[in-house]
C-alpha atoms as a PDB file:
ATOM      1  CA  UNK A   1       0.000   0.000   0.000  1.00  0.00           C
ATOM      2  CA  UNK A   2       1.120   3.532  -0.797  1.00  0.00           C
ATOM      3  CA  UNK A   3       0.282   6.263   1.716  1.00  0.00           C
ATOM      4  CA  UNK A   4      -0.597   9.741   0.515  1.00  0.00           C
ATOM      5  CA  UNK A   5      -0.812  12.976   2.443  1.00  0.00           C
ATOM      6  CA  UNK A   6      -3.010  15.785   1.123  1.00  0.00           C
ATOM      7  CA  UNK A   7      -3.505  19.380   2.209  1.00  0.00           C
ATOM      8  CA  UNK A   8      -7.070  20.539   1.686  1.00  0.00           C
ATOM      9  CA  UNK A   9      -9.112  23.666   2.314  1.00  0.00           C
ATOM     10  CA  UNK A  10     -12.862  23.946   2.605  1.00  0.00           C
ATOM     11  CA  UNK A  11     -15.758  26.268   3.201  1.00  0.00           C
ATOM     12  CA  UNK A  12     -17.408  24.628   6.192  1.00  0.00           C
ATOM     13  CA  UNK A  13     -20.654  26.574   6.076  1.00  0.00           C
ATOM     14  CA  UNK A  14     -22.607  23.796   4.330  1.00  0.00           C
ATOM     15  CA  UNK A  15     -21.000  20.893   6.198  1.00  0.00           C
ATOM     16  CA  UNK A  16     -21.920  19.231   9.492  1.00  0.00           C
ATOM     17  CA  UNK A  17     -18.228  19.025  10.339  1.00  0.00           C
ATOM     18  CA  UNK A  18     -15.258  17.001   9.101  1.00  0.00           C
ATOM     19  CA  UNK A  19     -16.028  13.553  10.531  1.00  0.00           C
ATOM     20  CA  UNK A  20     -18.449  11.191   8.770  1.00  0.00           C
ATOM     21  CA  UNK A  21     -21.930  11.154  10.311  1.00  0.00           C
ATOM     22  CA  UNK A  22     -25.222   9.434   9.641  1.00  0.00           C
ATOM     23  CA  UNK A  23     -27.589  11.490   7.466  1.00  0.00           C
ATOM     24  CA  UNK A  24     -25.335  14.568   7.434  1.00  0.00           C
ATOM     25  CA  UNK A  25     -23.019  16.096   4.833  1.00  0.00           C
ATOM     26  CA  UNK A  26     -19.372  15.988   5.943  1.00  0.00           C
ATOM     27  CA  UNK A  27     -15.954  16.641   4.424  1.00  0.00           C
ATOM     28  CA  UNK A  28     -14.800  13.089   5.116  1.00  0.00           C
ATOM     29  CA  UNK A  29     -17.799  11.610   3.310  1.00  0.00           C
ATOM     30  CA  UNK A  30     -17.365  13.786   0.209  1.00  0.00           C
ATOM     31  CA  UNK A  31     -13.653  13.025  -0.153  1.00  0.00           C
ATOM     32  CA  UNK A  32     -14.137   9.302   0.451  1.00  0.00           C
ATOM     33  CA  UNK A  33     -16.866   9.181  -2.217  1.00  0.00           C
ATOM     34  CA  UNK A  34     -14.447  10.761  -4.702  1.00  0.00           C
ATOM     35  CA  UNK A  35     -11.620   8.411  -3.739  1.00  0.00           C
ATOM     36  CA  UNK A  36     -13.927   5.417  -4.175  1.00  0.00           C
ATOM     37  CA  UNK A  37     -14.699   6.538  -7.743  1.00  0.00           C
ATOM     38  CA  UNK A  38     -10.974   6.941  -8.427  1.00  0.00           C
ATOM     39  CA  UNK A  39     -10.284   3.511  -6.909  1.00  0.00           C
ATOM     40  CA  UNK A  40     -12.647   1.463  -9.111  1.00  0.00           C
ATOM     41  CA  UNK A  41     -15.411   1.405  -6.510  1.00  0.00           C
ATOM     42  CA  UNK A  42     -13.263   0.154  -3.640  1.00  0.00           C
ATOM     43  CA  UNK A  43     -13.763   1.877  -0.289  1.00  0.00           C
ATOM     44  CA  UNK A  44     -11.002   4.233   0.924  1.00  0.00           C
ATOM     45  CA  UNK A  45     -10.999   5.659   4.451  1.00  0.00           C
ATOM     46  CA  UNK A  46      -9.257   8.959   5.097  1.00  0.00           C
ATOM     47  CA  UNK A  47      -7.804  10.221   8.380  1.00  0.00           C
ATOM     48  CA  UNK A  48      -7.808  13.928   9.195  1.00  0.00           C
ATOM     49  CA  UNK A  49      -5.504  15.910  11.427  1.00  0.00           C
ATOM     50  CA  UNK A  50      -8.401  17.758  13.043  1.00  0.00           C
ATOM     51  CA  UNK A  51     -12.114  17.050  13.344  1.00  0.00           C
ATOM     52  CA  UNK A  52     -13.549  20.477  12.687  1.00  0.00           C
ATOM     53  CA  UNK A  53     -17.117  21.133  13.830  1.00  0.00           C
ATOM     54  CA  UNK A  54     -20.179  22.145  11.816  1.00  0.00           C
ATOM     55  CA  UNK A  55     -19.680  25.471  10.065  1.00  0.00           C
ATOM     56  CA  UNK A  56     -15.917  25.602  10.767  1.00  0.00           C
ATOM     57  CA  UNK A  57     -13.605  26.293   7.824  1.00  0.00           C
ATOM     58  CA  UNK A  58     -10.059  25.235   6.902  1.00  0.00           C
ATOM     59  CA  UNK A  59      -7.197  26.714   4.916  1.00  0.00           C
ATOM     60  CA  UNK A  60      -4.777  23.879   5.629  1.00  0.00           C
ATOM     61  CA  UNK A  61      -6.421  20.696   6.885  1.00  0.00           C
ATOM     62  CA  UNK A  62      -4.230  17.590   6.412  1.00  0.00           C
ATOM     63  CA  UNK A  63      -5.542  14.134   5.539  1.00  0.00           C
ATOM     64  CA  UNK A  64      -3.925  10.821   4.670  1.00  0.00           C
ATOM     65  CA  UNK A  65      -5.161   7.738   2.835  1.00  0.00           C
ATOM     66  CA  UNK A  66      -3.753   4.518   1.370  1.00  0.00           C
ATOM     67  CA  UNK A  67      -3.950   3.295  -2.223  1.00  0.00           C
ATOM     68  CA  UNK A  68      -2.878  -0.076  -3.556  1.00  0.00           C
ATOM     69  CA  UNK A  69      -0.710   1.403  -6.296  1.00  0.00           C
ATOM     70  CA  UNK A  70       1.516   4.403  -6.900  1.00  0.00           C
ATOM     71  CA  UNK A  71      -0.187   7.330  -8.685  1.00  0.00           C
ATOM     72  CA  UNK A  72       1.132  10.391 -10.465  1.00  0.00           C
ATOM     73  CA  UNK A  73       0.857  13.025  -7.739  1.00  0.00           C
ATOM     74  CA  UNK A  74      -0.398  15.930  -9.818  1.00  0.00           C
ATOM     75  CA  UNK A  75      -2.906  13.771 -11.676  1.00  0.00           C
ATOM     76  CA  UNK A  76      -4.189  12.457  -8.348  1.00  0.00           C
ATOM     77  CA  UNK A  77      -4.421  15.961  -6.881  1.00  0.00           C
ATOM     78  CA  UNK A  78      -6.185  17.266  -9.994  1.00  0.00           C
ATOM     79  CA  UNK A  79      -8.671  14.383  -9.997  1.00  0.00           C
ATOM     80  CA  UNK A  80      -9.495  14.879  -6.322  1.00  0.00           C
ATOM     81  CA  UNK A  81      -9.740  18.642  -6.725  1.00  0.00           C
ATOM     82  CA  UNK A  82     -12.039  18.579  -9.733  1.00  0.00           C
ATOM     83  CA  UNK A  83     -14.260  15.695  -8.631  1.00  0.00           C
ATOM     84  CA  UNK A  84     -14.934  16.834  -5.068  1.00  0.00           C
ATOM     85  CA  UNK A  85     -17.595  19.534  -4.553  1.00  0.00           C
ATOM     86  CA  UNK A  86     -16.684  23.175  -5.149  1.00  0.00           C
ATOM     87  CA  UNK A  87     -16.554  23.955  -1.433  1.00  0.00           C
ATOM     88  CA  UNK A  88     -13.546  21.622  -1.059  1.00  0.00           C
ATOM     89  CA  UNK A  89     -10.147  22.413  -2.589  1.00  0.00           C
ATOM     90  CA  UNK A  90      -7.246  19.948  -2.772  1.00  0.00           C
ATOM     91  CA  UNK A  91      -4.081  22.046  -2.541  1.00  0.00           C
ATOM     92  CA  UNK A  92      -1.375  19.386  -2.710  1.00  0.00           C
ATOM     93  CA  UNK A  93      -0.776  15.635  -2.591  1.00  0.00           C
ATOM     94  CA  UNK A  94       2.477  13.904  -1.690  1.00  0.00           C
ATOM     95  CA  UNK A  95       3.637  10.373  -0.994  1.00  0.00           C
ATOM     96  CA  UNK A  96       4.660   9.746   2.623  1.00  0.00           C
ATOM     97  CA  UNK A  97       6.005   6.851   4.669  1.00  0.00           C
ATOM     98  CA  UNK A  98       3.520   4.310   6.007  1.00  0.00           C
ATOM     99  CA  UNK A  99       4.174   5.368   9.594  1.00  0.00           C
ATOM    100  CA  UNK A 100       2.867   8.864   8.929  1.00  0.00           C
ATOM    101  CA  UNK A 101      -0.534   9.544  10.482  1.00  0.00           C
ATOM    102  CA  UNK A 102      -2.343  12.832   9.873  1.00  0.00           C
ATOM    103  CA  UNK A 103      -3.794  12.871  13.392  1.00  0.00           C
ATOM    104  CA  UNK A 104      -1.257  11.052  15.543  1.00  0.00           C
ATOM    105  CA  UNK A 105       2.103  12.097  14.062  1.00  0.00           C
ATOM    106  CA  UNK A 106       3.482  14.878  16.258  1.00  0.00           C
ATOM    107  CA  UNK A 107       2.434  18.303  15.002  1.00  0.00           C
ATOM    108  CA  UNK A 108       1.392  21.857  15.813  1.00  0.00           C
ATOM    109  CA  UNK A 109      -1.943  23.342  14.806  1.00  0.00           C
ATOM    110  CA  UNK A 110      -2.735  26.976  14.084  1.00  0.00           C
ATOM    111  CA  UNK A 111      -6.319  28.204  14.318  1.00  0.00           C
ATOM    112  CA  UNK A 112      -7.577  31.609  13.249  1.00  0.00           C
ATOM    113  CA  UNK A 113     -10.786  33.202  14.467  1.00  0.00           C
ATOM    114  CA  UNK A 114     -12.321  36.222  12.710  1.00  0.00           C
ATOM    115  CA  UNK A 115     -14.698  38.508  14.593  1.00  0.00           C
ATOM    116  CA  UNK A 116     -16.639  41.165  12.692  1.00  0.00           C
ATOM    117  CA  UNK A 117     -16.994  44.154  15.036  1.00  0.00           C
ATOM    118  CA  UNK A 118     -18.445  46.468  12.390  1.00  0.00           C
ATOM    119  CA  UNK A 119     -21.812  48.143  12.933  1.00  0.00           C
ATOM    120  CA  UNK A 120     -23.712  47.176  10.910  1.00  0.00           C
ATOM    121  CA  UNK A 121     -22.111  43.800  10.263  1.00  0.00           C
ATOM    122  CA  UNK A 122     -20.774  42.802   6.846  1.00  0.00           C
ATOM    123  CA  UNK A 123     -23.560  40.618   5.365  1.00  0.00           C
ATOM    124  CA  UNK A 124     -21.135  39.043   2.870  1.00  0.00           C
ATOM    125  CA  UNK A 125     -19.142  37.612   5.781  1.00  0.00           C
ATOM    126  CA  UNK A 126     -22.040  36.281   7.864  1.00  0.00           C
ATOM    127  CA  UNK A 127     -20.864  32.662   7.350  1.00  0.00           C
ATOM    128  CA  UNK A 128     -17.143  33.471   7.594  1.00  0.00           C
ATOM    129  CA  UNK A 129     -16.843  35.872  10.541  1.00  0.00           C
ATOM    130  CA  UNK A 130     -18.678  35.898  13.864  1.00  0.00           C
ATOM    131  CA  UNK A 131     -20.363  39.220  14.520  1.00  0.00           C
ATOM    132  CA  UNK A 132     -19.860  40.961  17.876  1.00  0.00           C
ATOM    133  CA  UNK A 133     -21.841  44.233  18.046  1.00  0.00           C
ATOM    134  CA  UNK A 134     -20.794  45.441  21.519  1.00  0.00           C
ATOM    135  CA  UNK A 135     -18.137  48.033  22.502  1.00  0.00           C
ATOM    136  CA  UNK A 136     -14.617  46.663  22.946  1.00  0.00           C
ATOM    137  CA  UNK A 137     -11.416  47.936  24.531  1.00  0.00           C
ATOM    138  CA  UNK A 138      -8.837  46.262  22.290  1.00  0.00           C
ATOM    139  CA  UNK A 139      -6.004  47.028  24.729  1.00  0.00           C
ATOM    140  CA  UNK A 140      -7.629  44.814  27.384  1.00  0.00           C
ATOM    141  CA  UNK A 141      -7.800  41.883  24.958  1.00  0.00           C
ATOM    142  CA  UNK A 142      -4.126  42.356  24.064  1.00  0.00           C
ATOM    143  CA  UNK A 143      -3.213  42.211  27.754  1.00  0.00           C
ATOM    144  CA  UNK A 144      -5.396  39.215  28.655  1.00  0.00           C
ATOM    145  CA  UNK A 145      -4.469  37.031  25.679  1.00  0.00           C
ATOM    146  CA  UNK A 146      -0.824  36.871  26.803  1.00  0.00           C
ATOM    147  CA  UNK A 147      -1.824  34.711  29.783  1.00  0.00           C
ATOM    148  CA  UNK A 148      -2.884  31.892  27.429  1.00  0.00           C
ATOM    149  CA  UNK A 149       0.666  31.349  26.138  1.00  0.00           C
ATOM    150  CA  UNK A 150       2.525  28.466  27.768  1.00  0.00           C
ATOM    151  CA  UNK A 151       1.680  25.020  29.137  1.00  0.00           C
ATOM    152  CA  UNK A 152      -1.587  24.978  31.069  1.00  0.00           C
ATOM    153  CA  UNK A 153      -4.478  22.767  32.085  1.00  0.00           C
ATOM    154  CA  UNK A 154      -7.231  24.154  29.835  1.00  0.00           C
ATOM    155  CA  UNK A 155     -10.133  22.455  31.658  1.00  0.00           C
ATOM    156  CA  UNK A 156     -11.794  25.852  32.153  1.00  0.00           C
ATOM    157  CA  UNK A 157     -11.818  26.480  28.411  1.00  0.00           C
ATOM    158  CA  UNK A 158     -13.195  23.174  27.144  1.00  0.00           C
ATOM    159  CA  UNK A 159     -16.785  22.011  26.795  1.00  0.00           C
ATOM    160  CA  UNK A 160     -18.297  20.661  29.999  1.00  0.00           C
ATOM    161  CA  UNK A 161     -18.404  16.874  30.129  1.00  0.00           C
ATOM    162  CA  UNK A 162     -15.663  16.270  27.548  1.00  0.00           C
ATOM    163  CA  UNK A 163     -14.253  12.739  27.846  1.00  0.00           C
ATOM    164  CA  UNK A 164     -10.583  13.680  27.330  1.00  0.00           C
ATOM    165  CA  UNK A 165      -8.743  13.020  30.589  1.00  0.00           C
ATOM    166  CA  UNK A 166      -5.512  14.959  29.986  1.00  0.00           C
ATOM    167  CA  UNK A 167      -6.440  18.585  29.403  1.00  0.00           C
ATOM    168  CA  UNK A 168      -2.888  19.955  29.520  1.00  0.00           C
ATOM    169  CA  UNK A 169      -1.870  21.674  26.292  1.00  0.00           C
ATOM    170  CA  UNK A 170       0.847  24.107  25.236  1.00  0.00           C
ATOM    171  CA  UNK A 171       0.097  27.292  23.328  1.00  0.00           C
ATOM    172  CA  UNK A 172       3.115  28.787  21.582  1.00  0.00           C
ATOM    173  CA  UNK A 173       1.205  31.711  20.089  1.00  0.00           C
ATOM    174  CA  UNK A 174      -1.897  33.643  21.143  1.00  0.00           C
ATOM    175  CA  UNK A 175      -2.350  36.925  19.292  1.00  0.00           C
ATOM    176  CA  UNK A 176      -5.104  39.319  18.348  1.00  0.00           C
ATOM    177  CA  UNK A 177      -4.822  41.913  15.583  1.00  0.00           C
ATOM    178  CA  UNK A 178      -7.245  44.561  14.368  1.00  0.00           C
ATOM    179  CA  UNK A 179      -8.006  44.945  10.657  1.00  0.00           C
ATOM    180  CA  UNK A 180      -9.262  48.544  10.633  1.00  0.00           C
ATOM    181  CA  UNK A 181     -10.223  48.457   6.953  1.00  0.00           C
ATOM    182  CA  UNK A 182     -12.662  45.570   7.346  1.00  0.00           C
ATOM    183  CA  UNK A 183     -13.406  46.166  11.051  1.00  0.00           C
ATOM    184  CA  UNK A 184     -12.284  42.634  11.932  1.00  0.00           C
ATOM    185  CA  UNK A 185     -10.524  41.273  14.986  1.00  0.00           C
ATOM    186  CA  UNK A 186      -8.299  38.357  13.951  1.00  0.00           C
ATOM    187  CA  UNK A 187      -7.297  35.943  16.720  1.00  0.00           C
ATOM    188  CA  UNK A 188      -4.465  33.459  16.067  1.00  0.00           C
ATOM    189  CA  UNK A 189      -3.598  30.476  18.266  1.00  0.00           C
ATOM    190  CA  UNK A 190      -0.802  27.935  17.711  1.00  0.00           C
ATOM    191  CA  UNK A 191      -0.448  24.920  19.963  1.00  0.00           C
ATOM    192  CA  UNK A 192       0.376  21.233  20.244  1.00  0.00           C
ATOM    193  CA  UNK A 193      -3.305  20.377  20.528  1.00  0.00           C
ATOM    194  CA  UNK A 194      -6.698  21.886  21.275  1.00  0.00           C
ATOM    195  CA  UNK A 195      -9.602  20.602  23.336  1.00  0.00           C
ATOM    196  CA  UNK A 196     -13.206  20.476  22.166  1.00  0.00           C
ATOM    197  CA  UNK A 197     -14.474  24.060  21.678  1.00  0.00           C
ATOM    198  CA  UNK A 198     -11.331  25.449  23.350  1.00  0.00           C
ATOM    199  CA  UNK A 199     -10.681  28.157  20.762  1.00  0.00           C
ATOM    200  CA  UNK A 200     -14.314  29.298  20.730  1.00  0.00           C
ATOM    201  CA  UNK A 201     -14.369  29.460  24.536  1.00  0.00           C
ATOM    202  CA  UNK A 202     -11.100  31.408  24.683  1.00  0.00           C
ATOM    203  CA  UNK A 203     -12.371  33.933  22.138  1.00  0.00           C
ATOM    204  CA  UNK A 204     -15.716  34.240  23.947  1.00  0.00           C
ATOM    205  CA  UNK A 205     -13.858  34.985  27.181  1.00  0.00           C
ATOM    206  CA  UNK A 206     -11.491  37.518  25.596  1.00  0.00           C
ATOM    207  CA  UNK A 207     -14.406  39.387  24.015  1.00  0.00           C
ATOM    208  CA  UNK A 208     -16.124  39.595  27.394  1.00  0.00           C
ATOM    209  CA  UNK A 209     -12.903  41.002  28.873  1.00  0.00           C
ATOM    210  CA  UNK A 210     -12.709  43.514  26.029  1.00  0.00           C
ATOM    211  CA  UNK A 211     -16.317  44.483  26.768  1.00  0.00           C
ATOM    212  CA  UNK A 212     -15.260  45.063  30.408  1.00  0.00           C
ATOM    213  CA  UNK A 213     -17.693  42.474  31.761  1.00  0.00           C
ATOM    214  CA  UNK A 214     -14.760  40.440  33.065  1.00  0.00           C
ATOM    215  CA  UNK A 215     -11.479  41.658  34.581  1.00  0.00           C
ATOM    216  CA  UNK A 216      -8.291  41.416  32.537  1.00  0.00           C
ATOM    217  CA  UNK A 217      -7.019  38.833  35.070  1.00  0.00           C
ATOM    218  CA  UNK A 218      -9.904  36.453  34.284  1.00  0.00           C
ATOM    219  CA  UNK A 219      -7.886  34.252  31.910  1.00  0.00           C
ATOM    220  CA  UNK A 220      -5.337  33.575  34.629  1.00  0.00           C
ATOM    221  CA  UNK A 221      -8.119  32.865  37.161  1.00  0.00           C
ATOM    222  CA  UNK A 222      -9.812  30.364  34.814  1.00  0.00           C
ATOM    223  CA  UNK A 223      -6.517  28.536  34.186  1.00  0.00           C
ATOM    224  CA  UNK A 224      -5.741  28.377  37.923  1.00  0.00           C
ATOM    225  CA  UNK A 225      -9.202  27.256  39.054  1.00  0.00           C
ATOM    226  CA  UNK A 226      -9.959  24.992  36.032  1.00  0.00           C
ATOM    227  CA  UNK A 227     -13.600  26.065  36.177  1.00  0.00           C
ATOM    228  CA  UNK A 228     -15.630  26.332  32.955  1.00  0.00           C
ATOM    229  CA  UNK A 229     -18.269  28.416  34.765  1.00  0.00           C
ATOM    230  CA  UNK A 230     -15.749  31.251  35.157  1.00  0.00           C
ATOM    231  CA  UNK A 231     -15.132  31.548  31.397  1.00  0.00           C
ATOM    232  CA  UNK A 232     -17.102  33.407  28.760  1.00  0.00           C
ATOM    233  CA  UNK A 233     -19.671  31.948  26.361  1.00  0.00           C
ATOM    234  CA  UNK A 234     -18.898  29.538  23.530  1.00  0.00           C
ATOM    235  CA  UNK A 235     -18.897  31.909  20.582  1.00  0.00           C
ATOM    236  CA  UNK A 236     -20.451  30.775  17.293  1.00  0.00           C
ATOM    237  CA  UNK A 237     -18.075  28.747  15.115  1.00  0.00           C
ATOM    238  CA  UNK A 238     -18.588  30.463  11.744  1.00  0.00           C
ATOM    239  CA  UNK A 239     -15.489  32.635  12.285  1.00  0.00           C
ATOM    240  CA  UNK A 240     -13.187  29.683  13.041  1.00  0.00           C
ATOM    241  CA  UNK A 241     -10.563  28.441  10.572  1.00  0.00           C
ATOM    242  CA  UNK A 242      -8.056  25.590  10.827  1.00  0.00           C
ATOM    243  CA  UNK A 243      -5.220  27.576   9.302  1.00  0.00           C
ATOM    244  CA  UNK A 244      -2.141  25.361   9.268  1.00  0.00           C
ATOM    245  CA  UNK A 245      -0.689  22.080  10.527  1.00  0.00           C
ATOM    246  CA  UNK A 246       3.069  21.707  10.902  1.00  0.00           C
ATOM    247  CA  UNK A 247       4.536  18.241  11.474  1.00  0.00           C
ATOM    248  CA  UNK A 248       7.670  17.753  13.520  1.00  0.00           C
ATOM    249  CA  UNK A 249       9.489  15.889  10.753  1.00  0.00           C
END
């Protein structure tokens, strides 16, 4: 068997997430249907680096799959790109060793979250940026976001009842920049892993701090006390993008 790694992007607004589900349109299902056509009707299962939720987008999702024979890489990429739906784009395909695993090989992930703070909101971006219509002190967000960098137990920022036992993760980057032309806040987080809804909960908390409904020290308090009830709301996922995945090797 030959293992292939592909980098894909997708508009998640019409998908129920990445992972295959019963009676729901998913990225995994669409790509596997295309691979089955390219593989003479034989079933191919793909593995993804991240299981993005419903409505979440990706610039640089990574998948891998196995084929029985070696294929021309550009012909394979072109076939996948043109035969998957228009809201999926196959950026590149390469052959990798059989011990490579899109999800379990050691890597860093970068997520981006776009918040539209314009009043009125940009209607063209309603599926690609989460609108926040309330006043914000950007300087407070810039101060609070620094406390997320480092190795922490992120229990207070994950969804209640998540089954993952080890909630310690390392964030190497946590930034927020203001695009004054489009009136967007752009949050960027890079880490060795993210818990379920962690990014959306961090952004929801930072926006509440910026709105002065939480103190700037709240991020540090949440990390210390590991209490989800102390964090802000889970913000809608339409502004979330899986931006990049970087593998150690």
